[in-house]
Amino acid sequence: MPNRRRAVAALAALAAAPLLATTAEARSPEPGPSKAPKALPPEALAGRRTPARARLIAADRVGERVLDLTIDSPALGREGHARVLLPTGYDRRPHHRWPVLYLLHGCCDPGPGWEAWTRNTDVEAITADVPALIVSPEGGPVGFYSNWWNGGHYGPPAWETFHLAELRPLLERALRANGRRAIAGLSMGGFGALSYAARHPRLFRAAASFSGVVHTTLDPAGIQGILTGQGADPTALWGDPAAQSALWDAHNPYALIPRLPRGYPLYLACGNGTPGPLDPPGRPEDALERGLGEMAQRYVRRARAHGLAVTAHLYGPGTHTWPYWERELTRALPLLTGPLA
């Protein structure tokens, strides 16, 4: 493709110099909520070790707006990736700085997770008029957007550190991102969006979950079953649900609701597993979506009681499939991008 690697020369100076990663909240230029959030327990903070260096290795321009980043990531112990949809007119405004909308992928995808949104939806057309960098980072087949406990030793994979202490400052330095951010995701990525928003309430101005895993302790066996199905140690993520209950709670979006400031804009969407209007004829009922719908109902009730500005689209018939997530992204965009203006 003739556009391939067009961005490498422009970013060469930045790519050659290591990026010094800092903790996610320390570098945030935004004011925090009026009331300081309650501190996370020591078990949660133990996994937030900041790597010494992260480097941009390559920036491949694979489409008019599509830029693929490869990062040497100490947090992952290997190369990490992110796909960026550049805003329309990005090249014509070389000194302009842009807000960022993170789009997180789900688990167990057969292809590279950072390509999932562009492979399975028309996200390029949906976001064509959005004046922001649309960033889809790699999150691992079953990374759950967390720094893995690994028996208390932590170390790779540290997904939270990769996304918020390595990738985030890289976007600011190499792609002219500014300090305004929103975050959204589907399934495991819906978990990641709401977990990150609550764990780092100064970083993101709005969040959305589409069929997200938003109450992990409601079904810890289900979470561990997903890990086992992907060949991972089910206790390596957050430990044992009973013995390490504080660590589970420290990542559970439902438990973290009180950390979000009142009035915080949230969008939650989920079906009930019954085949709906975007499903092919004869599709069976979807037990996974049914369970996630129950989680969403509980989350919405508690979030509203806490005073969060929740837009809920619990749309009834609908399965755990891409057509619904594409539709919900379109509907959620005004809520997500409004605070970025």
C-alpha atoms as a PDB file:
ATOM      1  CA  MET A   1       0.000   0.000   0.000  1.00  0.00           C
ATOM      2  CA  PRO A   2       1.586   3.325  -1.016  1.00  0.00           C
ATOM      3  CA  ASN A   3       0.677   5.021   2.274  1.00  0.00           C
ATOM      4  CA  ARG A   4       2.353   2.363   4.370  1.00  0.00           C
ATOM      5  CA  ARG A   5       4.873   3.785   6.856  1.00  0.00           C
ATOM      6  CA  ARG A   6       4.201   7.374   5.764  1.00  0.00           C
ATOM      7  CA  ALA A   7       4.154   8.374   9.406  1.00  0.00           C
ATOM      8  CA  VAL A   8       7.499   6.808  10.350  1.00  0.00           C
ATOM      9  CA  ALA A   9       9.614   9.653   9.024  1.00  0.00           C
ATOM     10  CA  ALA A  10       7.440  12.248  10.707  1.00  0.00           C
ATOM     11  CA  LEU A  11       7.733  10.428  14.028  1.00  0.00           C
ATOM     12  CA  ALA A  12      11.352   9.325  13.679  1.00  0.00           C
ATOM     13  CA  ALA A  13      12.737  11.644  16.301  1.00  0.00           C
ATOM     14  CA  LEU A  14      10.161  10.562  18.829  1.00  0.00           C
ATOM     15  CA  ALA A  15      10.483   6.916  17.932  1.00  0.00           C
ATOM     16  CA  ALA A  16      14.246   7.047  18.430  1.00  0.00           C
ATOM     17  CA  ALA A  17      14.022   8.556  21.899  1.00  0.00           C
ATOM     18  CA  PRO A  18      12.662   6.380  24.734  1.00  0.00           C
ATOM     19  CA  LEU A  19       9.476   7.650  26.311  1.00  0.00           C
ATOM     20  CA  LEU A  20       9.753   7.970  30.064  1.00  0.00           C
ATOM     21  CA  ALA A  21       6.529   6.539  31.439  1.00  0.00           C
ATOM     22  CA  THR A  22       5.001   8.048  34.536  1.00  0.00           C
ATOM     23  CA  THR A  23       2.124   6.963  36.673  1.00  0.00           C
ATOM     24  CA  ALA A  24      -1.191   7.518  34.975  1.00  0.00           C
ATOM     25  CA  GLU A  25      -2.659  10.019  37.399  1.00  0.00           C
ATOM     26  CA  ALA A  26       0.503  12.000  38.147  1.00  0.00           C
ATOM     27  CA  ARG A  27       0.714  13.502  34.642  1.00  0.00           C
ATOM     28  CA  SER A  28      -2.963  14.237  34.154  1.00  0.00           C
ATOM     29  CA  PRO A  29      -3.515  17.963  33.503  1.00  0.00           C
ATOM     30  CA  GLU A  30      -7.190  17.816  34.344  1.00  0.00           C
ATOM     31  CA  PRO A  31      -8.742  18.866  37.638  1.00  0.00           C
ATOM     32  CA  GLY A  32     -10.138  16.062  39.706  1.00  0.00           C
ATOM     33  CA  PRO A  33     -13.658  15.698  41.063  1.00  0.00           C
ATOM     34  CA  SER A  34     -14.769  18.079  43.777  1.00  0.00           C
ATOM     35  CA  LYS A  35     -14.363  15.346  46.372  1.00  0.00           C
ATOM     36  CA  ALA A  36     -11.218  13.223  46.334  1.00  0.00           C
ATOM     37  CA  PRO A  37     -11.976   9.582  45.582  1.00  0.00           C
ATOM     38  CA  LYS A  38     -11.408   7.023  48.285  1.00  0.00           C
ATOM     39  CA  ALA A  39      -7.965   5.456  48.072  1.00  0.00           C
ATOM     40  CA  LEU A  40      -7.704   2.010  46.563  1.00  0.00           C
ATOM     41  CA  PRO A  41      -6.514  -0.775  48.904  1.00  0.00           C
ATOM     42  CA  PRO A  42      -2.813  -1.735  48.968  1.00  0.00           C
ATOM     43  CA  GLU A  43      -3.548  -4.916  47.025  1.00  0.00           C
ATOM     44  CA  ALA A  44      -4.732  -2.839  44.080  1.00  0.00           C
ATOM     45  CA  LEU A  45      -1.863  -0.375  44.188  1.00  0.00           C
ATOM     46  CA  ALA A  46       0.771  -3.091  44.292  1.00  0.00           C
ATOM     47  CA  GLY A  47       0.228  -3.873  40.619  1.00  0.00           C
ATOM     48  CA  ARG A  48       0.767  -0.282  39.425  1.00  0.00           C
ATOM     49  CA  ARG A  49       4.513  -0.525  38.998  1.00  0.00           C
ATOM     50  CA  THR A  50       5.762   1.923  36.445  1.00  0.00           C
ATOM     51  CA  PRO A  51       8.234   0.637  33.848  1.00  0.00           C
ATOM     52  CA  ALA A  52      11.457   2.534  33.262  1.00  0.00           C
ATOM     53  CA  ARG A  53      11.006   3.035  29.528  1.00  0.00           C
ATOM     54  CA  ALA A  54       8.636   2.430  26.651  1.00  0.00           C
ATOM     55  CA  ARG A  55       9.577   3.123  23.033  1.00  0.00           C
ATOM     56  CA  LEU A  56       7.629   3.691  19.861  1.00  0.00           C
ATOM     57  CA  ILE A  57       9.114   1.199  17.396  1.00  0.00           C
ATOM     58  CA  ALA A  58       6.944   1.748  14.321  1.00  0.00           C
ATOM     59  CA  ALA A  59       4.023   3.807  13.080  1.00  0.00           C
ATOM     60  CA  ASP A  60       2.504   2.209   9.975  1.00  0.00           C
ATOM     61  CA  ARG A  61       0.009   4.261   7.974  1.00  0.00           C
ATOM     62  CA  VAL A  62      -2.146   1.423   6.613  1.00  0.00           C
ATOM     63  CA  GLY A  63      -5.055   3.563   5.450  1.00  0.00           C
ATOM     64  CA  GLU A  64      -6.073   7.166   4.907  1.00  0.00           C
ATOM     65  CA  ARG A  65      -6.927   7.527   8.584  1.00  0.00           C
ATOM     66  CA  VAL A  66      -5.538   4.267   9.999  1.00  0.00           C
ATOM     67  CA  LEU A  67      -2.217   4.311  11.856  1.00  0.00           C
ATOM     68  CA  ASP A  68      -0.868   1.165  13.554  1.00  0.00           C
ATOM     69  CA  LEU A  69       1.573   1.678  16.422  1.00  0.00           C
ATOM     70  CA  THR A  70       4.101  -0.862  17.672  1.00  0.00           C
ATOM     71  CA  ILE A  71       5.522  -0.178  21.121  1.00  0.00           C
ATOM     72  CA  ASP A  72       8.407  -1.786  22.972  1.00  0.00           C
ATOM     73  CA  SER A  73       6.567  -2.313  26.262  1.00  0.00           C
ATOM     74  CA  PRO A  74       8.335  -3.277  29.497  1.00  0.00           C
ATOM     75  CA  ALA A  75       4.884  -3.538  31.086  1.00  0.00           C
ATOM     76  CA  LEU A  76       4.032  -6.413  28.737  1.00  0.00           C
ATOM     77  CA  GLY A  77       7.543  -7.816  28.463  1.00  0.00           C
ATOM     78  CA  ARG A  78       7.200  -7.703  24.670  1.00  0.00           C
ATOM     79  CA  GLU A  79       5.903  -5.514  21.865  1.00  0.00           C
ATOM     80  CA  GLY A  80       2.439  -4.031  22.276  1.00  0.00           C
ATOM     81  CA  HIS A  81       0.143  -2.577  19.635  1.00  0.00           C
ATOM     82  CA  ALA A  82      -2.561   0.024  19.108  1.00  0.00           C
ATOM     83  CA  ARG A  83      -4.607   1.062  16.099  1.00  0.00           C
ATOM     84  CA  VAL A  84      -5.360   4.780  15.791  1.00  0.00           C
ATOM     85  CA  LEU A  85      -8.015   6.335  13.571  1.00  0.00           C
ATOM     86  CA  LEU A  86      -6.731   9.809  12.871  1.00  0.00           C
ATOM     87  CA  PRO A  87      -9.313  12.605  12.777  1.00  0.00           C
ATOM     88  CA  THR A  88     -10.273  13.941   9.376  1.00  0.00           C
ATOM     89  CA  GLY A  89      -7.903  16.788   8.557  1.00  0.00           C
ATOM     90  CA  TYR A  90      -5.196  15.590  10.946  1.00  0.00           C
ATOM     91  CA  ASP A  91      -2.387  16.051   8.405  1.00  0.00           C
ATOM     92  CA  ARG A  92      -3.563  19.549   7.469  1.00  0.00           C
ATOM     93  CA  ARG A  93      -3.324  20.792  11.077  1.00  0.00           C
ATOM     94  CA  PRO A  94       0.220  19.924  12.168  1.00  0.00           C
ATOM     95  CA  HIS A  95       0.122  22.019  15.343  1.00  0.00           C
ATOM     96  CA  HIS A  96      -3.351  21.131  16.576  1.00  0.00           C
ATOM     97  CA  ARG A  97      -3.731  18.874  19.625  1.00  0.00           C
ATOM     98  CA  TRP A  98      -6.583  16.377  19.738  1.00  0.00           C
ATOM     99  CA  PRO A  99      -8.710  14.685  22.388  1.00  0.00           C
ATOM    100  CA  VAL A 100      -8.754  10.894  22.549  1.00  0.00           C
ATOM    101  CA  LEU A 101     -11.575   8.361  22.513  1.00  0.00           C
ATOM    102  CA  TYR A 102     -10.365   4.914  23.555  1.00  0.00           C
ATOM    103  CA  LEU A 103     -12.263   1.963  22.055  1.00  0.00           C
ATOM    104  CA  LEU A 104     -11.496  -1.282  23.895  1.00  0.00           C
ATOM    105  CA  HIS A 105     -12.005  -4.735  22.394  1.00  0.00           C
ATOM    106  CA  GLY A 106     -13.461  -7.868  23.933  1.00  0.00           C
ATOM    107  CA  CYS A 107     -11.925 -11.188  24.836  1.00  0.00           C
ATOM    108  CA  CYS A 108     -11.082 -14.298  22.926  1.00  0.00           C
ATOM    109  CA  ASP A 109     -10.946 -12.682  19.477  1.00  0.00           C
ATOM    110  CA  PRO A 110      -9.277 -14.921  16.866  1.00  0.00           C
ATOM    111  CA  GLY A 111      -7.502 -11.928  15.299  1.00  0.00           C
ATOM    112  CA  PRO A 112      -5.428  -9.081  16.743  1.00  0.00           C
ATOM    113  CA  GLY A 113      -7.596  -7.302  19.288  1.00  0.00           C
ATOM    114  CA  TRP A 114      -6.449  -3.843  18.261  1.00  0.00           C
ATOM    115  CA  GLU A 115      -7.900  -4.475  14.787  1.00  0.00           C
ATOM    116  CA  ALA A 116     -11.237  -5.796  16.037  1.00  0.00           C
ATOM    117  CA  TRP A 117     -13.275  -2.591  15.789  1.00  0.00           C
ATOM    118  CA  THR A 118     -12.127  -1.833  12.242  1.00  0.00           C
ATOM    119  CA  ARG A 119     -12.514  -5.476  11.134  1.00  0.00           C
ATOM    120  CA  ASN A 120     -16.021  -5.956  12.460  1.00  0.00           C
ATOM    121  CA  THR A 121     -17.692  -2.546  12.240  1.00  0.00           C
ATOM    122  CA  ASP A 122     -17.782   0.536  10.060  1.00  0.00           C
ATOM    123  CA  VAL A 123     -16.113   2.532  12.812  1.00  0.00           C
ATOM    124  CA  GLU A 124     -14.154   4.592  10.285  1.00  0.00           C
ATOM    125  CA  ALA A 125     -17.379   5.976   8.787  1.00  0.00           C
ATOM    126  CA  ILE A 126     -19.068   6.285  12.184  1.00  0.00           C
ATOM    127  CA  THR A 127     -16.226   8.449  13.523  1.00  0.00           C
ATOM    128  CA  ALA A 128     -15.433  10.354  10.307  1.00  0.00           C
ATOM    129  CA  ASP A 129     -16.750  13.615  11.766  1.00  0.00           C
ATOM    130  CA  VAL A 130     -15.391  13.109  15.294  1.00  0.00           C
ATOM    131  CA  PRO A 131     -12.535  15.576  15.937  1.00  0.00           C
ATOM    132  CA  ALA A 132     -10.548  13.151  18.073  1.00  0.00           C
ATOM    133  CA  LEU A 133      -7.994  10.369  17.913  1.00  0.00           C
ATOM    134  CA  ILE A 134      -9.871   7.056  18.070  1.00  0.00           C
ATOM    135  CA  VAL A 135      -7.486   4.653  19.801  1.00  0.00           C
ATOM    136  CA  SER A 136      -7.982   0.868  19.975  1.00  0.00           C
ATOM    137  CA  PRO A 137      -5.153  -0.620  22.042  1.00  0.00           C
ATOM    138  CA  GLU A 138      -4.226  -4.251  22.321  1.00  0.00           C
ATOM    139  CA  GLY A 139      -5.663  -5.801  25.473  1.00  0.00           C
ATOM    140  CA  GLY A 140      -4.692  -9.454  25.102  1.00  0.00           C
ATOM    141  CA  PRO A 141      -7.034 -12.356  24.341  1.00  0.00           C
ATOM    142  CA  VAL A 142      -8.126 -12.366  27.977  1.00  0.00           C
ATOM    143  CA  GLY A 143      -6.089  -9.566  29.588  1.00  0.00           C
ATOM    144  CA  PHE A 144      -9.043  -7.977  31.414  1.00  0.00           C
ATOM    145  CA  TYR A 145      -7.391  -4.555  31.315  1.00  0.00           C
ATOM    146  CA  SER A 146      -5.481  -5.236  34.516  1.00  0.00           C
ATOM    147  CA  ASN A 147      -1.991  -5.648  35.877  1.00  0.00           C
ATOM    148  CA  TRP A 148      -1.955  -9.373  36.558  1.00  0.00           C
ATOM    149  CA  TRP A 149      -1.432 -10.496  40.144  1.00  0.00           C
ATOM    150  CA  ASN A 150       0.648 -13.557  39.223  1.00  0.00           C
ATOM    151  CA  GLY A 151       0.682 -15.020  42.712  1.00  0.00           C
ATOM    152  CA  GLY A 152       1.534 -11.653  44.243  1.00  0.00           C
ATOM    153  CA  HIS A 153       4.628 -11.146  42.078  1.00  0.00           C
ATOM    154  CA  TYR A 154       2.884  -9.012  39.425  1.00  0.00           C
ATOM    155  CA  GLY A 155       5.089  -8.317  36.408  1.00  0.00           C
ATOM    156  CA  PRO A 156       3.986  -8.980  32.807  1.00  0.00           C
ATOM    157  CA  PRO A 157       1.341  -8.733  31.573  1.00  0.00           C
ATOM    158  CA  ALA A 158       0.614  -5.335  33.122  1.00  0.00           C
ATOM    159  CA  TRP A 159      -2.147  -4.137  30.786  1.00  0.00           C
ATOM    160  CA  GLU A 160      -3.246  -1.194  32.902  1.00  0.00           C
ATOM    161  CA  THR A 161       0.306   0.142  32.963  1.00  0.00           C
ATOM    162  CA  PHE A 162       0.690  -0.416  29.224  1.00  0.00           C
ATOM    163  CA  HIS A 163      -2.479   1.514  28.411  1.00  0.00           C
ATOM    164  CA  LEU A 164      -2.281   4.357  30.916  1.00  0.00           C
ATOM    165  CA  ALA A 165       1.416   4.829  31.737  1.00  0.00           C
ATOM    166  CA  GLU A 166       3.029   3.838  28.426  1.00  0.00           C
ATOM    167  CA  LEU A 167       0.563   4.327  25.565  1.00  0.00           C
ATOM    168  CA  ARG A 168      -1.135   7.445  26.967  1.00  0.00           C
ATOM    169  CA  PRO A 169       1.975   9.656  27.184  1.00  0.00           C
ATOM    170  CA  LEU A 170       3.165   8.262  23.852  1.00  0.00           C
ATOM    171  CA  LEU A 171      -0.036   9.509  22.219  1.00  0.00           C
ATOM    172  CA  GLU A 172       0.468  12.899  23.811  1.00  0.00           C
ATOM    173  CA  ARG A 173       4.060  13.226  22.645  1.00  0.00           C
ATOM    174  CA  ALA A 174       3.956  11.517  19.248  1.00  0.00           C
ATOM    175  CA  LEU A 175       0.401  12.091  17.990  1.00  0.00           C
ATOM    176  CA  ARG A 176      -0.459  15.426  19.599  1.00  0.00           C
ATOM    177  CA  ALA A 177      -3.096  14.094  21.978  1.00  0.00           C
ATOM    178  CA  ASN A 178      -4.299  16.594  24.546  1.00  0.00           C
ATOM    179  CA  GLY A 179      -5.557  16.055  28.077  1.00  0.00           C
ATOM    180  CA  ARG A 180      -9.210  15.295  27.240  1.00  0.00           C
ATOM    181  CA  ARG A 181     -10.205  11.631  27.060  1.00  0.00           C
ATOM    182  CA  ALA A 182     -13.253   9.373  26.980  1.00  0.00           C
ATOM    183  CA  ILE A 183     -13.366   5.588  26.944  1.00  0.00           C
ATOM    184  CA  ALA A 184     -15.712   2.865  25.683  1.00  0.00           C
ATOM    185  CA  GLY A 185     -15.577  -0.851  25.078  1.00  0.00           C
ATOM    186  CA  LEU A 186     -17.484  -4.054  24.431  1.00  0.00           C
ATOM    187  CA  SER A 187     -17.742  -7.168  26.598  1.00  0.00           C
ATOM    188  CA  MET A 188     -14.328  -7.473  28.316  1.00  0.00           C
ATOM    189  CA  GLY A 189     -13.648  -3.985  26.938  1.00  0.00           C
ATOM    190  CA  GLY A 190     -16.828  -2.713  28.587  1.00  0.00           C
ATOM    191  CA  PHE A 191     -15.360  -3.964  31.838  1.00  0.00           C
ATOM    192  CA  GLY A 192     -12.108  -2.181  31.000  1.00  0.00           C
ATOM    193  CA  ALA A 193     -13.822   1.106  30.186  1.00  0.00           C
ATOM    194  CA  LEU A 194     -15.786   1.317  33.438  1.00  0.00           C
ATOM    195  CA  SER A 195     -12.971  -0.107  35.560  1.00  0.00           C
ATOM    196  CA  TYR A 196     -10.393   2.349  34.173  1.00  0.00           C
ATOM    197  CA  ALA A 197     -12.804   5.265  34.500  1.00  0.00           C
ATOM    198  CA  ALA A 198     -13.397   4.542  38.186  1.00  0.00           C
ATOM    199  CA  ARG A 199      -9.826   3.567  39.041  1.00  0.00           C
ATOM    200  CA  HIS A 200      -8.555   6.772  37.386  1.00  0.00           C
ATOM    201  CA  PRO A 201     -11.422   9.272  37.716  1.00  0.00           C
ATOM    202  CA  ARG A 202      -9.217  12.210  36.658  1.00  0.00           C
ATOM    203  CA  LEU A 203      -8.247  10.652  33.338  1.00  0.00           C
ATOM    204  CA  PHE A 204     -11.561  10.089  31.545  1.00  0.00           C
ATOM    205  CA  ARG A 205     -14.454  12.516  31.147  1.00  0.00           C
ATOM    206  CA  ALA A 206     -17.050   9.942  30.076  1.00  0.00           C
ATOM    207  CA  ALA A 207     -17.308   6.163  29.697  1.00  0.00           C
ATOM    208  CA  ALA A 208     -19.481   3.612  27.900  1.00  0.00           C
ATOM    209  CA  SER A 209     -19.978  -0.133  28.120  1.00  0.00           C
ATOM    210  CA  PHE A 210     -21.581  -2.301  25.435  1.00  0.00           C
ATOM    211  CA  SER A 211     -22.537  -5.756  26.761  1.00  0.00           C
ATOM    212  CA  GLY A 212     -19.830  -5.270  29.363  1.00  0.00           C
ATOM    213  CA  VAL A 213     -18.712  -7.460  32.247  1.00  0.00           C
ATOM    214  CA  VAL A 214     -19.623  -4.776  34.756  1.00  0.00           C
ATOM    215  CA  HIS A 215     -20.047  -6.812  37.968  1.00  0.00           C
ATOM    216  CA  THR A 216     -17.236  -9.368  38.148  1.00  0.00           C
ATOM    217  CA  THR A 217     -17.944 -10.668  41.644  1.00  0.00           C
ATOM    218  CA  LEU A 218     -21.501 -11.540  40.647  1.00  0.00           C
ATOM    219  CA  ASP A 219     -20.037 -14.479  38.709  1.00  0.00           C
ATOM    220  CA  PRO A 220     -16.349 -15.007  39.591  1.00  0.00           C
ATOM    221  CA  ALA A 221     -16.514 -18.588  38.375  1.00  0.00           C
ATOM    222  CA  GLY A 222     -17.539 -17.295  34.954  1.00  0.00           C
ATOM    223  CA  ILE A 223     -14.512 -14.983  34.823  1.00  0.00           C
ATOM    224  CA  GLN A 224     -12.218 -17.804  35.856  1.00  0.00           C
ATOM    225  CA  GLY A 225     -13.828 -20.097  33.286  1.00  0.00           C
ATOM    226  CA  ILE A 226     -12.962 -17.617  30.528  1.00  0.00           C
ATOM    227  CA  LEU A 227      -9.349 -17.564  31.718  1.00  0.00           C
ATOM    228  CA  THR A 228      -9.169 -21.348  31.867  1.00  0.00           C
ATOM    229  CA  GLY A 229     -10.701 -21.609  28.402  1.00  0.00           C
ATOM    230  CA  GLN A 230      -7.847 -19.477  27.060  1.00  0.00           C
ATOM    231  CA  GLY A 231      -5.216 -21.638  28.738  1.00  0.00           C
ATOM    232  CA  ALA A 232      -4.440 -19.180  31.560  1.00  0.00           C
ATOM    233  CA  ASP A 233      -4.126 -19.830  35.284  1.00  0.00           C
ATOM    234  CA  PRO A 234      -7.522 -18.653  36.612  1.00  0.00           C
ATOM    235  CA  THR A 235      -5.934 -17.197  39.772  1.00  0.00           C
ATOM    236  CA  ALA A 236      -3.166 -15.312  37.941  1.00  0.00           C
ATOM    237  CA  LEU A 237      -5.415 -12.348  37.119  1.00  0.00           C
ATOM    238  CA  TRP A 238      -6.708 -11.182  40.528  1.00  0.00           C
ATOM    239  CA  GLY A 239      -5.986 -14.203  42.690  1.00  0.00           C
ATOM    240  CA  ASP A 240      -8.590 -16.325  44.438  1.00  0.00           C
ATOM    241  CA  PRO A 241     -11.999 -14.611  44.667  1.00  0.00           C
ATOM    242  CA  ALA A 242     -12.173 -15.270  48.421  1.00  0.00           C
ATOM    243  CA  ALA A 243      -8.545 -14.975  49.532  1.00  0.00           C
ATOM    244  CA  GLN A 244      -7.890 -11.923  47.344  1.00  0.00           C
ATOM    245  CA  SER A 245     -11.390 -10.427  47.552  1.00  0.00           C
ATOM    246  CA  ALA A 246     -10.017  -6.901  48.040  1.00  0.00           C
ATOM    247  CA  LEU A 247      -8.133  -7.170  44.755  1.00  0.00           C
ATOM    248  CA  TRP A 248     -11.237  -8.423  42.958  1.00  0.00           C
ATOM    249  CA  ASP A 249     -13.237  -5.506  44.385  1.00  0.00           C
ATOM    250  CA  ALA A 250     -10.511  -3.055  43.401  1.00  0.00           C
ATOM    251  CA  HIS A 251     -11.112  -3.901  39.733  1.00  0.00           C
ATOM    252  CA  ASN A 252     -14.867  -4.551  39.802  1.00  0.00           C
ATOM    253  CA  PRO A 253     -16.776  -1.715  38.058  1.00  0.00           C
ATOM    254  CA  TYR A 254     -19.840  -2.297  40.248  1.00  0.00           C
ATOM    255  CA  ALA A 255     -17.822  -2.006  43.478  1.00  0.00           C
ATOM    256  CA  LEU A 256     -15.970   1.039  42.143  1.00  0.00           C
ATOM    257  CA  ILE A 257     -19.073   3.133  41.406  1.00  0.00           C
ATOM    258  CA  PRO A 258     -18.555   5.357  44.501  1.00  0.00           C
ATOM    259  CA  ARG A 259     -15.174   6.479  43.122  1.00  0.00           C
ATOM    260  CA  LEU A 260     -16.857   8.289  40.225  1.00  0.00           C
ATOM    261  CA  PRO A 261     -17.961  11.883  40.910  1.00  0.00           C
ATOM    262  CA  ARG A 262     -21.654  12.698  40.942  1.00  0.00           C
ATOM    263  CA  GLY A 263     -22.922  13.706  37.532  1.00  0.00           C
ATOM    264  CA  TYR A 264     -20.295  11.634  35.718  1.00  0.00           C
ATOM    265  CA  PRO A 265     -21.641  10.714  32.236  1.00  0.00           C
ATOM    266  CA  LEU A 266     -22.010   6.990  31.606  1.00  0.00           C
ATOM    267  CA  TYR A 267     -23.613   5.011  28.787  1.00  0.00           C
ATOM    268  CA  LEU A 268     -24.580   1.368  29.347  1.00  0.00           C
ATOM    269  CA  ALA A 269     -26.138  -0.876  26.724  1.00  0.00           C
ATOM    270  CA  CYS A 270     -26.918  -4.574  26.790  1.00  0.00           C
ATOM    271  CA  GLY A 271     -29.429  -7.088  25.460  1.00  0.00           C
ATOM    272  CA  ASN A 272     -31.169  -9.917  27.275  1.00  0.00           C
ATOM    273  CA  GLY A 273     -29.908 -12.789  25.101  1.00  0.00           C
ATOM    274  CA  THR A 274     -33.153 -13.336  23.210  1.00  0.00           C
ATOM    275  CA  PRO A 275     -32.517 -13.083  19.451  1.00  0.00           C
ATOM    276  CA  GLY A 276     -33.364  -9.587  18.303  1.00  0.00           C
ATOM    277  CA  PRO A 277     -33.755  -7.479  15.178  1.00  0.00           C
ATOM    278  CA  LEU A 278     -30.053  -7.597  14.228  1.00  0.00           C
ATOM    279  CA  ASP A 279     -29.777 -11.397  14.513  1.00  0.00           C
ATOM    280  CA  PRO A 280     -30.153 -13.868  11.623  1.00  0.00           C
ATOM    281  CA  PRO A 281     -33.207 -16.142  11.574  1.00  0.00           C
ATOM    282  CA  GLY A 282     -32.893 -19.204  13.741  1.00  0.00           C
ATOM    283  CA  ARG A 283     -30.228 -17.850  16.080  1.00  0.00           C
ATOM    284  CA  PRO A 284     -30.478 -19.536  19.501  1.00  0.00           C
ATOM    285  CA  GLU A 285     -30.821 -17.697  22.780  1.00  0.00           C
ATOM    286  CA  ASP A 286     -27.559 -16.254  24.109  1.00  0.00           C
ATOM    287  CA  ALA A 287     -26.954 -17.176  27.758  1.00  0.00           C
ATOM    288  CA  LEU A 288     -23.855 -14.979  27.986  1.00  0.00           C
ATOM    289  CA  GLU A 289     -25.733 -11.837  26.971  1.00  0.00           C
ATOM    290  CA  ARG A 290     -28.548 -12.729  29.347  1.00  0.00           C
ATOM    291  CA  GLY A 291     -26.105 -12.855  32.266  1.00  0.00           C
ATOM    292  CA  LEU A 292     -24.436  -9.616  31.233  1.00  0.00           C
ATOM    293  CA  GLY A 293     -27.855  -7.983  31.003  1.00  0.00           C
ATOM    294  CA  GLU A 294     -28.482  -8.879  34.646  1.00  0.00           C
ATOM    295  CA  MET A 295     -25.146  -7.314  35.575  1.00  0.00           C
ATOM    296  CA  ALA A 296     -26.041  -4.167  33.638  1.00  0.00           C
ATOM    297  CA  GLN A 297     -29.361  -3.788  35.450  1.00  0.00           C
ATOM    298  CA  ARG A 298     -27.657  -3.974  38.842  1.00  0.00           C
ATOM    299  CA  TYR A 299     -24.956  -1.530  37.764  1.00  0.00           C
ATOM    300  CA  VAL A 300     -27.451   1.009  36.440  1.00  0.00           C
ATOM    301  CA  ARG A 301     -29.514   0.937  39.637  1.00  0.00           C
ATOM    302  CA  ARG A 302     -26.494   1.505  41.870  1.00  0.00           C
ATOM    303  CA  ALA A 303     -24.924   4.130  39.589  1.00  0.00           C
ATOM    304  CA  ARG A 304     -28.128   6.173  39.500  1.00  0.00           C
ATOM    305  CA  ALA A 305     -28.498   5.913  43.269  1.00  0.00           C
ATOM    306  CA  HIS A 306     -24.969   7.323  43.549  1.00  0.00           C
ATOM    307  CA  GLY A 307     -25.935  10.283  41.377  1.00  0.00           C
ATOM    308  CA  LEU A 308     -24.129   9.394  38.160  1.00  0.00           C
ATOM    309  CA  ALA A 309     -25.557  10.653  34.853  1.00  0.00           C
ATOM    310  CA  VAL A 310     -26.432   7.262  33.397  1.00  0.00           C
ATOM    311  CA  THR A 311     -27.872   6.791  29.946  1.00  0.00           C
ATOM    312  CA  ALA A 312     -29.028   3.179  29.856  1.00  0.00           C
ATOM    313  CA  HIS A 313     -30.169   1.329  26.764  1.00  0.00           C
ATOM    314  CA  LEU A 314     -31.104  -2.109  28.076  1.00  0.00           C
ATOM    315  CA  TYR A 315     -32.782  -2.946  24.831  1.00  0.00           C
ATOM    316  CA  GLY A 316     -34.230  -6.391  25.508  1.00  0.00           C
ATOM    317  CA  PRO A 317     -33.897  -8.769  22.535  1.00  0.00           C
ATOM    318  CA  GLY A 318     -30.303  -8.846  21.336  1.00  0.00           C
ATOM    319  CA  THR A 319     -27.303 -11.177  21.458  1.00  0.00           C
ATOM    320  CA  HIS A 320     -23.589 -10.847  22.192  1.00  0.00           C
ATOM    321  CA  THR A 321     -22.646  -9.871  18.651  1.00  0.00           C
ATOM    322  CA  TRP A 322     -21.047  -7.045  16.688  1.00  0.00           C
ATOM    323  CA  PRO A 323     -24.131  -5.550  14.983  1.00  0.00           C
ATOM    324  CA  TYR A 324     -25.480  -4.454  18.372  1.00  0.00           C
ATOM    325  CA  TRP A 325     -22.152  -3.001  19.507  1.00  0.00           C
ATOM    326  CA  GLU A 326     -21.789  -1.031  16.290  1.00  0.00           C
ATOM    327  CA  ARG A 327     -25.273   0.378  16.761  1.00  0.00           C
ATOM    328  CA  GLU A 328     -24.599   1.277  20.393  1.00  0.00           C
ATOM    329  CA  LEU A 329     -21.319   3.009  19.585  1.00  0.00           C
ATOM    330  CA  THR A 330     -23.217   5.237  17.162  1.00  0.00           C
ATOM    331  CA  ARG A 331     -25.787   6.050  19.829  1.00  0.00           C
ATOM    332  CA  ALA A 332     -23.186   6.633  22.549  1.00  0.00           C
ATOM    333  CA  LEU A 333     -20.926   8.969  20.546  1.00  0.00           C
ATOM    334  CA  PRO A 334     -22.662  12.238  21.535  1.00  0.00           C
ATOM    335  CA  LEU A 335     -22.332  11.376  25.235  1.00  0.00           C
ATOM    336  CA  LEU A 336     -18.697  10.334  24.811  1.00  0.00           C
ATOM    337  CA  THR A 337     -17.545  13.203  22.628  1.00  0.00           C
ATOM    338  CA  GLY A 338     -19.515  16.034  24.201  1.00  0.00           C
ATOM    339  CA  PRO A 339     -17.138  16.350  27.205  1.00  0.00           C
ATOM    340  CA  LEU A 340     -14.152  16.326  24.821  1.00  0.00           C
ATOM    341  CA  ALA A 341     -15.104  19.522  23.024  1.00  0.00           C
END
